[in-house]
Amino acid sequence: MAVTVRKIEEHAEMMEELKKLTGEKTAAGALIKAGYIAIRESERAQTLSQDKRELEYKLNDTQYKVSNFIDALNELKEIDSK
């Protein structure tokens, strides 16, 4: 498969950065490797997003339980002080 990038000179700075980032010497190699990196990082971002949602749920649940515990403790202190 061949890929042709027209007007690549307009993107020379970006291509140099991609070559540095990927460690590739050619623009074509850098583009291909960058594509694979983008796919991998996109999947990683989705996984991290799901992990974050699960942790937020656990945090909210824990905060609810702690709040209930503190409320119950305060009620017991009130009963004890009477």
N, C-alpha and C. Protein backbone atom coordinates (compact mmCIF):
# COMPACT_ATOMS: atom_id res chain seq x y z
N MET A 1 0.85 -1.17 0.00
CA MET A 1 0.00 0.00 0.00
C MET A 1 0.90 1.24 0.00
N ALA A 2 0.56 2.16 -0.84
CA ALA A 2 1.33 3.40 -0.92
C ALA A 2 0.45 4.56 -0.44
N VAL A 3 1.10 5.48 0.24
CA VAL A 3 0.41 6.66 0.73
C VAL A 3 1.13 7.88 0.19
N THR A 4 0.36 8.79 -0.38
CA THR A 4 0.94 10.01 -0.90
C THR A 4 0.42 11.18 -0.06
N VAL A 5 1.33 11.98 0.43
CA VAL A 5 0.95 13.16 1.19
C VAL A 5 1.32 14.36 0.33
N ARG A 6 0.32 15.10 -0.06
CA ARG A 6 0.56 16.28 -0.89
C ARG A 6 0.87 17.48 0.00
N LYS A 7 1.64 18.37 -0.56
CA LYS A 7 2.00 19.61 0.14
C LYS A 7 2.60 19.33 1.51
N ILE A 8 3.44 18.31 1.59
CA ILE A 8 4.04 17.94 2.87
C ILE A 8 4.94 19.05 3.41
N GLU A 9 5.44 19.89 2.52
CA GLU A 9 6.30 20.99 2.98
C GLU A 9 5.54 21.93 3.92
N GLU A 10 4.21 21.99 3.77
CA GLU A 10 3.41 22.82 4.66
C GLU A 10 3.36 22.23 6.08
N HIS A 11 3.75 20.98 6.18
CA HIS A 11 3.69 20.29 7.46
C HIS A 11 5.07 19.79 7.89
N ALA A 12 6.10 20.43 7.38
CA ALA A 12 7.47 19.98 7.64
C ALA A 12 7.81 19.98 9.12
N GLU A 13 7.42 21.02 9.84
CA GLU A 13 7.73 21.09 11.27
C GLU A 13 7.05 19.96 12.03
N MET A 14 5.78 19.72 11.72
CA MET A 14 5.05 18.63 12.37
C MET A 14 5.69 17.29 12.03
N MET A 15 6.10 17.11 10.79
CA MET A 15 6.71 15.84 10.39
C MET A 15 8.03 15.61 11.12
N GLU A 16 8.80 16.66 11.31
CA GLU A 16 10.05 16.53 12.06
C GLU A 16 9.77 16.13 13.50
N GLU A 17 8.75 16.72 14.10
CA GLU A 17 8.36 16.37 15.46
C GLU A 17 7.91 14.92 15.53
N LEU A 18 7.13 14.48 14.54
CA LEU A 18 6.68 13.09 14.51
C LEU A 18 7.87 12.13 14.38
N LYS A 19 8.83 12.49 13.56
CA LYS A 19 10.01 11.62 13.41
C LYS A 19 10.78 11.53 14.73
N LYS A 20 10.90 12.64 15.44
CA LYS A 20 11.56 12.62 16.74
C LYS A 20 10.77 11.77 17.73
N LEU A 21 9.46 11.98 17.76
CA LEU A 21 8.58 11.28 18.68
C LEU A 21 8.61 9.77 18.47
N THR A 22 8.59 9.37 17.22
CA THR A 22 8.50 7.94 16.90
C THR A 22 9.85 7.26 16.75
N GLY A 23 10.90 8.07 16.58
CA GLY A 23 12.22 7.49 16.36
C GLY A 23 12.44 7.01 14.94
N GLU A 24 11.52 7.35 14.07
CA GLU A 24 11.62 6.94 12.65
C GLU A 24 12.41 7.99 11.87
N LYS A 25 13.10 7.51 10.83
CA LYS A 25 13.90 8.42 10.02
C LYS A 25 13.12 8.99 8.84
N THR A 26 12.09 8.27 8.41
CA THR A 26 11.32 8.73 7.24
C THR A 26 9.95 9.23 7.67
N ALA A 27 9.41 10.13 6.85
CA ALA A 27 8.09 10.67 7.12
C ALA A 27 7.04 9.56 7.06
N ALA A 28 7.15 8.68 6.09
CA ALA A 28 6.18 7.59 5.95
C ALA A 28 6.21 6.69 7.18
N GLY A 29 7.41 6.33 7.62
CA GLY A 29 7.54 5.48 8.81
C GLY A 29 6.99 6.17 10.04
N ALA A 30 7.26 7.47 10.15
CA ALA A 30 6.76 8.23 11.29
C ALA A 30 5.24 8.30 11.28
N LEU A 31 4.63 8.51 10.11
CA LEU A 31 3.18 8.57 10.02
C LEU A 31 2.54 7.25 10.40
N ILE A 32 3.11 6.15 9.92
CA ILE A 32 2.55 4.83 10.23
C ILE A 32 2.67 4.55 11.73
N LYS A 33 3.85 4.79 12.28
CA LYS A 33 4.05 4.53 13.70
C LYS A 33 3.16 5.44 14.54
N ALA A 34 3.01 6.69 14.14
CA ALA A 34 2.15 7.63 14.86
C ALA A 34 0.70 7.16 14.82
N GLY A 35 0.30 6.57 13.71
CA GLY A 35 -1.06 6.03 13.61
C GLY A 35 -1.28 4.92 14.63
N TYR A 36 -0.32 4.02 14.75
CA TYR A 36 -0.42 2.95 15.73
C TYR A 36 -0.41 3.49 17.16
N ILE A 37 0.42 4.51 17.38
CA ILE A 37 0.45 5.14 18.70
C ILE A 37 -0.91 5.75 19.01
N ALA A 38 -1.50 6.43 18.04
CA ALA A 38 -2.80 7.07 18.24
C ALA A 38 -3.87 6.03 18.59
N ILE A 39 -3.86 4.90 17.90
CA ILE A 39 -4.84 3.84 18.18
C ILE A 39 -4.63 3.31 19.59
N ARG A 40 -3.39 3.00 19.94
CA ARG A 40 -3.08 2.45 21.27
C ARG A 40 -3.47 3.43 22.36
N GLU A 41 -3.13 4.70 22.18
CA GLU A 41 -3.42 5.70 23.21
C GLU A 41 -4.92 5.99 23.31
N SER A 42 -5.63 5.87 22.21
CA SER A 42 -7.07 6.04 22.24
C SER A 42 -7.71 4.93 23.07
N GLU A 43 -7.27 3.70 22.87
CA GLU A 43 -7.77 2.57 23.65
C GLU A 43 -7.41 2.75 25.13
N ARG A 44 -6.20 3.21 25.38
CA ARG A 44 -5.76 3.46 26.75
C ARG A 44 -6.61 4.54 27.42
N ALA A 45 -6.91 5.59 26.66
CA ALA A 45 -7.74 6.68 27.20
C ALA A 45 -9.13 6.18 27.55
N GLN A 46 -9.68 5.31 26.72
CA GLN A 46 -11.00 4.75 27.01
C GLN A 46 -10.96 3.90 28.28
N THR A 47 -9.92 3.10 28.43
CA THR A 47 -9.77 2.27 29.62
C THR A 47 -9.63 3.14 30.86
N LEU A 48 -8.80 4.17 30.77
CA LEU A 48 -8.60 5.07 31.91
C LEU A 48 -9.89 5.82 32.25
N SER A 49 -10.65 6.17 31.25
CA SER A 49 -11.92 6.86 31.48
C SER A 49 -12.88 5.95 32.23
N GLN A 50 -12.95 4.69 31.84
CA GLN A 50 -13.81 3.73 32.53
C GLN A 50 -13.33 3.53 33.97
N ASP A 51 -12.01 3.39 34.14
CA ASP A 51 -11.44 3.25 35.49
C ASP A 51 -11.80 4.45 36.35
N LYS A 52 -11.72 5.63 35.78
CA LYS A 52 -12.04 6.87 36.51
C LYS A 52 -13.50 6.87 36.95
N ARG A 53 -14.40 6.47 36.05
CA ARG A 53 -15.82 6.42 36.41
C ARG A 53 -16.04 5.44 37.56
N GLU A 54 -15.40 4.29 37.51
CA GLU A 54 -15.55 3.30 38.58
C GLU A 54 -15.01 3.83 39.91
N LEU A 55 -13.87 4.51 39.86
CA LEU A 55 -13.30 5.08 41.08
C LEU A 55 -14.17 6.20 41.64
N GLU A 56 -14.74 7.01 40.76
CA GLU A 56 -15.64 8.07 41.21
C GLU A 56 -16.87 7.47 41.90
N TYR A 57 -17.40 6.37 41.35
CA TYR A 57 -18.53 5.71 41.97
C TYR A 57 -18.15 5.20 43.36
N LYS A 58 -16.99 4.55 43.45
CA LYS A 58 -16.54 4.03 44.75
C LYS A 58 -16.32 5.16 45.74
N LEU A 59 -15.75 6.27 45.28
CA LEU A 59 -15.53 7.43 46.15
C LEU A 59 -16.86 7.97 46.66
N ASN A 60 -17.82 8.15 45.76
CA ASN A 60 -19.13 8.65 46.18
C ASN A 60 -19.79 7.72 47.18
N ASP A 61 -19.69 6.42 46.93
CA ASP A 61 -20.26 5.43 47.84
C ASP A 61 -19.59 5.51 49.22
N THR A 62 -18.28 5.63 49.22
CA THR A 62 -17.54 5.72 50.48
C THR A 62 -17.88 7.01 51.22
N GLN A 63 -17.98 8.12 50.49
CA GLN A 63 -18.35 9.39 51.12
C GLN A 63 -19.74 9.30 51.74
N TYR A 64 -20.66 8.63 51.07
CA TYR A 64 -22.01 8.45 51.59
C TYR A 64 -21.97 7.64 52.89
N LYS A 65 -21.20 6.57 52.88
CA LYS A 65 -21.10 5.72 54.08
C LYS A 65 -20.45 6.47 55.24
N VAL A 66 -19.41 7.22 54.96
CA VAL A 66 -18.74 7.99 56.01
C VAL A 66 -19.69 9.04 56.56
N SER A 67 -20.42 9.69 55.69
CA SER A 67 -21.38 10.70 56.14
C SER A 67 -22.44 10.08 57.04
N ASN A 68 -22.95 8.92 56.64
CA ASN A 68 -23.94 8.22 57.48
C ASN A 68 -23.34 7.82 58.82
N PHE A 69 -22.10 7.37 58.81
CA PHE A 69 -21.42 6.99 60.05
C PHE A 69 -21.28 8.19 60.98
N ILE A 70 -20.86 9.31 60.44
CA ILE A 70 -20.68 10.52 61.25
C ILE A 70 -22.02 10.99 61.82
N ASP A 71 -23.06 10.93 60.98
CA ASP A 71 -24.39 11.31 61.46
C ASP A 71 -24.83 10.41 62.61
N ALA A 72 -24.62 9.11 62.45
CA ALA A 72 -25.00 8.16 63.50
C ALA A 72 -24.17 8.39 64.76
N LEU A 73 -22.89 8.64 64.60
CA LEU A 73 -22.02 8.91 65.74
C LEU A 73 -22.48 10.15 66.49
N ASN A 74 -22.82 11.20 65.76
CA ASN A 74 -23.29 12.43 66.39
C ASN A 74 -24.61 12.20 67.13
N GLU A 75 -25.50 11.40 66.57
CA GLU A 75 -26.76 11.08 67.24
C GLU A 75 -26.50 10.30 68.54
N LEU A 76 -25.54 9.36 68.49
CA LEU A 76 -25.20 8.62 69.70
C LEU A 76 -24.62 9.54 70.77
N LYS A 77 -23.80 10.49 70.36
CA LYS A 77 -23.24 11.45 71.32
C LYS A 77 -24.34 12.28 71.96
N GLU A 78 -25.33 12.67 71.17
CA GLU A 78 -26.46 13.45 71.71
C GLU A 78 -27.23 12.61 72.72
N ILE A 79 -27.48 11.36 72.39
CA ILE A 79 -28.22 10.47 73.31
C ILE A 79 -27.41 10.27 74.59
N ASP A 80 -26.10 10.10 74.45
CA ASP A 80 -25.23 9.88 75.61
C ASP A 80 -25.16 11.10 76.50
N SER A 81 -25.27 12.29 75.91
CA SER A 81 -25.14 13.50 76.72
C SER A 81 -26.43 13.85 77.46
N LYS A 82 -27.52 13.16 77.20
CA LYS A 82 -28.81 13.46 77.88
C LYS A 82 -28.91 12.80 79.19
